[in-house]
Protein backbone atom coordinates (compact mmCIF):
# COMPACT_ATOMS: atom_id res chain seq x y z
CA MET A 1 -0.05 0.05 0.06
CA ARG A 2 1.35 3.33 -0.98
CA ASN A 3 2.49 5.85 1.73
CA ILE A 4 0.54 8.93 2.50
CA LEU A 5 2.75 11.82 0.95
CA VAL A 6 0.82 14.78 2.40
CA VAL A 7 -1.23 14.88 5.55
CA LEU A 8 -2.62 18.32 6.79
CA LEU A 9 -4.73 18.39 9.93
CA LEU A 10 -6.53 21.50 11.04
CA CYS A 11 -8.51 21.52 14.20
CA LEU A 12 -10.52 24.71 15.39
CA GLY A 13 -12.29 25.05 18.60
CA PHE A 14 -13.89 27.85 20.56
CA THR A 15 -14.57 28.01 24.34
CA GLY A 16 -16.16 30.32 26.75
CA ALA A 17 -14.27 33.43 27.97
CA MET A 18 -12.11 32.42 30.83
CA ALA A 19 -12.14 35.90 32.64
CA GLN A 20 -13.43 39.35 32.41
CA GLU A 21 -11.04 42.24 32.20
CA VAL A 22 -12.08 45.19 34.46
CA TYR A 23 -10.32 48.44 35.89
CA THR A 24 -9.37 49.16 39.39
CA SER A 25 -9.94 52.52 41.06
CA SER A 26 -6.46 53.74 39.79
CA GLY A 27 -7.44 53.23 36.24
CA LYS A 28 -5.11 50.22 35.77
CA PRO A 29 -6.44 47.21 34.20
CA GLY A 30 -6.59 43.91 36.08
CA TYR A 31 -8.45 40.54 36.24
CA MET A 32 -11.11 40.60 39.07
CA LYS A 33 -14.03 38.62 39.89
CA LYS A 34 -17.35 39.88 38.48
CA ALA A 35 -19.23 42.23 40.97
CA LYS A 36 -22.46 40.25 40.12
CA LYS A 37 -22.51 36.57 39.83
CA HIS A 38 -24.99 34.96 37.59
CA LYS A 39 -27.59 32.45 39.00
CA GLY A 40 -28.44 29.74 36.54
CA TYR A 41 -27.47 30.04 32.96
CA ASP A 42 -24.66 32.22 32.15
CA PRO A 43 -24.05 32.89 28.44
CA ASP A 44 -20.47 33.70 29.01
CA ARG A 45 -19.84 30.13 29.77
CA LEU A 46 -21.25 28.67 26.54
CA ILE A 47 -18.84 26.81 24.40
CA ILE A 48 -19.34 26.77 20.57
CA GLY A 49 -17.09 25.49 18.03
CA GLY A 50 -15.86 22.49 16.02
CA GLY A 51 -13.00 20.77 14.44
CA LEU A 52 -11.94 20.41 10.71
CA ASN A 53 -9.39 17.82 9.35
CA LEU A 54 -8.05 17.20 5.90
CA GLY A 55 -5.56 14.61 4.70
CA LEU A 56 -4.62 14.18 0.93
CA GLY A 57 -2.00 12.35 -0.91
CA SER A 58 -1.02 9.64 -3.18
CA GLY A 59 -4.74 8.60 -3.84
CA TYR A 60 -5.69 9.02 -0.23
CA ALA A 61 -8.35 11.25 1.08
CA ASN A 62 -9.28 11.89 4.80
CA ILE A 63 -11.86 14.69 5.15
CA GLY A 64 -13.95 15.47 8.31
CA VAL A 65 -15.84 18.10 10.26
CA ALA A 66 -17.04 17.94 13.95
CA PRO A 67 -18.93 20.78 15.36
CA VAL A 68 -19.45 20.84 19.18
CA VAL A 69 -21.47 22.72 21.70
CA GLY A 70 -21.04 22.67 25.52
CA TYR A 71 -20.97 24.61 28.74
CA ARG A 72 -18.38 25.66 31.38
CA ILE A 73 -19.89 24.30 34.38
CA THR A 74 -17.15 25.54 36.69
CA ASP A 75 -13.98 27.47 36.08
CA HIS A 76 -12.13 24.08 35.57
CA PHE A 77 -14.73 21.56 34.27
CA SER A 78 -16.85 21.72 31.05
CA ALA A 79 -19.05 19.36 29.29
CA GLY A 80 -20.98 19.16 25.95
CA VAL A 81 -22.02 17.18 22.95
CA GLY A 82 -20.73 16.93 19.38
CA LEU A 83 -21.78 15.63 15.96
CA GLY A 84 -19.02 14.66 13.31
CA TYR A 85 -18.85 13.58 9.81
CA GLN A 86 -15.71 11.68 8.26
CA TYR A 87 -14.99 10.69 4.66
CA PHE A 88 -12.08 8.31 3.82
CA ARG A 89 -10.66 6.91 0.54
CA ALA A 90 -7.67 4.64 -0.01
CA PRO A 91 -6.44 2.93 -3.02
CA VAL A 92 -6.21 -0.99 -2.42
CA LEU A 93 -5.81 -2.52 -6.04
CA THR A 94 -4.30 -1.52 -9.30
CA ASP A 95 -5.18 -3.51 -12.42
CA PRO A 96 -1.97 -4.52 -14.13
CA VAL A 97 -3.46 -4.33 -17.55
CA THR A 98 -5.50 -1.28 -17.56
CA ASN A 99 -3.68 0.44 -14.54
CA LYS A 100 -7.09 1.31 -13.18
CA VAL A 101 -7.01 2.05 -9.45
CA TYR A 102 -9.81 0.53 -7.29
CA TYR A 103 -10.54 2.30 -3.97
CA ALA A 104 -12.00 1.53 -0.63
CA TYR A 105 -14.38 4.24 0.72
CA GLN A 106 -15.75 4.87 4.12
CA HIS A 107 -18.46 7.57 5.49
CA MET A 108 -18.74 7.95 9.03
CA VAL A 109 -21.12 9.87 11.30
CA PHE A 110 -20.36 10.13 14.98
CA PRO A 111 -22.45 11.72 17.74
CA SER A 112 -20.36 12.21 20.90
CA VAL A 113 -20.48 13.43 24.64
CA TRP A 114 -17.31 14.96 25.97
CA THR A 115 -15.93 16.32 29.26
CA ARG A 116 -12.71 18.35 29.97
CA LEU A 117 -11.24 18.96 33.32
CA PHE A 118 -8.26 21.45 34.03
CA VAL A 119 -6.17 19.76 36.70
CA TYR A 120 -3.21 22.10 36.91
CA LYS A 121 -2.97 25.61 35.30
CA ASN A 122 -3.19 24.95 31.61
CA PHE A 123 -3.19 21.09 31.79
CA PHE A 124 -6.13 19.25 31.42
CA VAL A 125 -7.59 15.72 31.08
CA GLU A 126 -10.45 14.80 28.91
CA ALA A 127 -13.03 12.02 28.11
CA THR A 128 -15.27 11.54 25.05
CA TYR A 129 -17.87 8.82 24.23
CA GLU A 130 -18.31 8.53 20.58
CA TYR A 131 -20.64 6.24 18.71
CA ASP A 132 -19.75 5.51 15.04
CA PHE A 133 -22.21 4.95 12.30
CA ILE A 134 -19.99 3.60 9.41
CA ASN A 135 -20.84 2.92 5.67
CA ARG A 136 -17.97 0.92 4.05
CA ARG A 137 -17.41 0.00 0.35
CA PHE A 138 -14.55 -2.22 -0.56
CA PRO A 139 -13.35 -3.33 -3.96
CA LEU A 140 -12.08 -7.08 -2.92
CA ASP A 141 -13.58 -10.18 -1.81
CA ASN A 142 -12.03 -12.50 0.71
CA TYR A 143 -10.06 -14.19 -1.89
CA GLY A 144 -8.48 -10.74 -3.09
CA MET A 145 -10.43 -10.90 -6.21
CA TYR A 146 -12.25 -7.71 -7.58
CA ASN A 147 -15.79 -7.95 -6.12
CA GLU A 148 -17.17 -4.80 -4.62
CA THR A 149 -18.89 -5.23 -1.29
CA LYS A 150 -20.83 -2.77 0.73
CA SER A 151 -21.72 -2.89 4.64
CA ASN A 152 -23.08 -0.79 7.34
CA VAL A 153 -21.44 -1.12 10.82
CA THR A 154 -21.43 0.64 14.12
CA ASN A 155 -18.71 1.12 16.69
CA SER A 156 -18.47 2.62 20.27
CA CYS A 157 -15.25 4.52 21.34
CA LEU A 158 -14.19 5.77 24.66
CA LEU A 159 -11.45 8.35 24.19
CA LEU A 160 -9.29 9.24 27.24
CA GLY A 161 -6.62 11.76 27.08
CA VAL A 162 -4.54 14.54 28.41
CA GLY A 163 -3.61 17.97 26.91
CA VAL A 164 -2.22 21.36 27.35
CA LYS A 165 -3.23 24.83 26.18
CA GLN A 166 -0.65 27.68 25.65
CA PRO A 167 -1.92 31.44 25.33
CA ILE A 168 -0.67 33.28 22.31
CA ALA A 169 -2.64 36.49 22.40
CA GLY A 170 -5.44 37.80 24.45
CA ARG A 171 -8.01 34.85 24.65
CA VAL A 172 -6.63 32.98 21.86
CA TYR A 173 -4.71 29.79 22.74
CA LEU A 174 -2.81 27.03 21.09
CA TYR A 175 -3.62 23.44 22.37
CA GLY A 176 -2.35 19.95 21.98
CA ALA A 177 -3.93 16.76 23.19
CA MET A 178 -3.34 12.91 23.05
CA VAL A 179 -6.17 10.64 23.20
CA TYR A 180 -6.69 6.89 23.02
CA ASP A 181 -9.74 4.69 22.39
CA VAL A 182 -9.65 2.23 25.32
CA LEU A 183 -12.56 0.06 23.87
CA GLN A 184 -10.82 -0.74 20.69
CA GLY A 185 -13.85 -2.23 18.92
CA GLN A 186 -13.50 -4.14 15.71
CA TYR A 187 -14.23 -1.01 13.55
CA SER A 188 -12.65 1.66 15.61
CA PRO A 189 -11.30 4.35 13.35
CA TYR A 190 -8.39 5.10 15.99
CA PRO A 191 -4.94 3.34 16.04
CA LYS A 192 -4.46 0.42 18.50
CA ASN A 193 -0.84 0.81 19.17
CA SER A 194 -0.38 4.63 19.52
CA PRO A 195 -2.58 7.47 20.78
CA ASP A 196 -4.32 9.93 18.47
CA VAL A 197 -2.45 13.26 18.60
CA ARG A 198 -4.37 16.40 17.98
CA PHE A 199 -3.42 20.10 17.76
CA GLY A 200 -5.67 23.10 17.36
CA ILE A 201 -6.52 26.59 18.23
CA ILE A 202 -8.94 27.72 21.08
CA ALA A 203 -10.41 31.16 20.94
CA GLY A 204 -12.46 32.53 23.70
CA LEU A 205 -15.86 34.08 22.78
């Protein structure tokens, strides 16, 4: 199987504002607690965002989008839900006579529930339960002969991981995380021998 020549991964996310800038009696800016605390729903704690990934190269294609919404329950703990879509294509057979390339295809829709807890300054742990609805199309049969087959399967994933965020300007942060699917179902899209590494940008609302 050919190696992937180009892989581009972009992940974008948005979280609620972490603090409010106010001014002291001397006129100097500073970060202080809000004079009036919200009771019940606080729109400043709403989390709206999503992720985007794109990988292309040597006949491969890996394209996905995953919007999320959540709420910052405390200053250190947040939770929410997401809904993603992933498209994957990979070459698996080349006809030696016609040089025609046959591809395997996969479409995946994955609703999810996630939580994130900051345990020390900018370091956090996270957990995501994901349920995958997968439509697969494969060009070969069990004997390696061309015979296209289609199937619909499902898979449960429990992604546990750690990460860190780094402020770069104002309320904009870079973040990195490593997560691993501890369930490792038969059709899990996550690697069994290594964690899934993610990088992205977080911008406060």
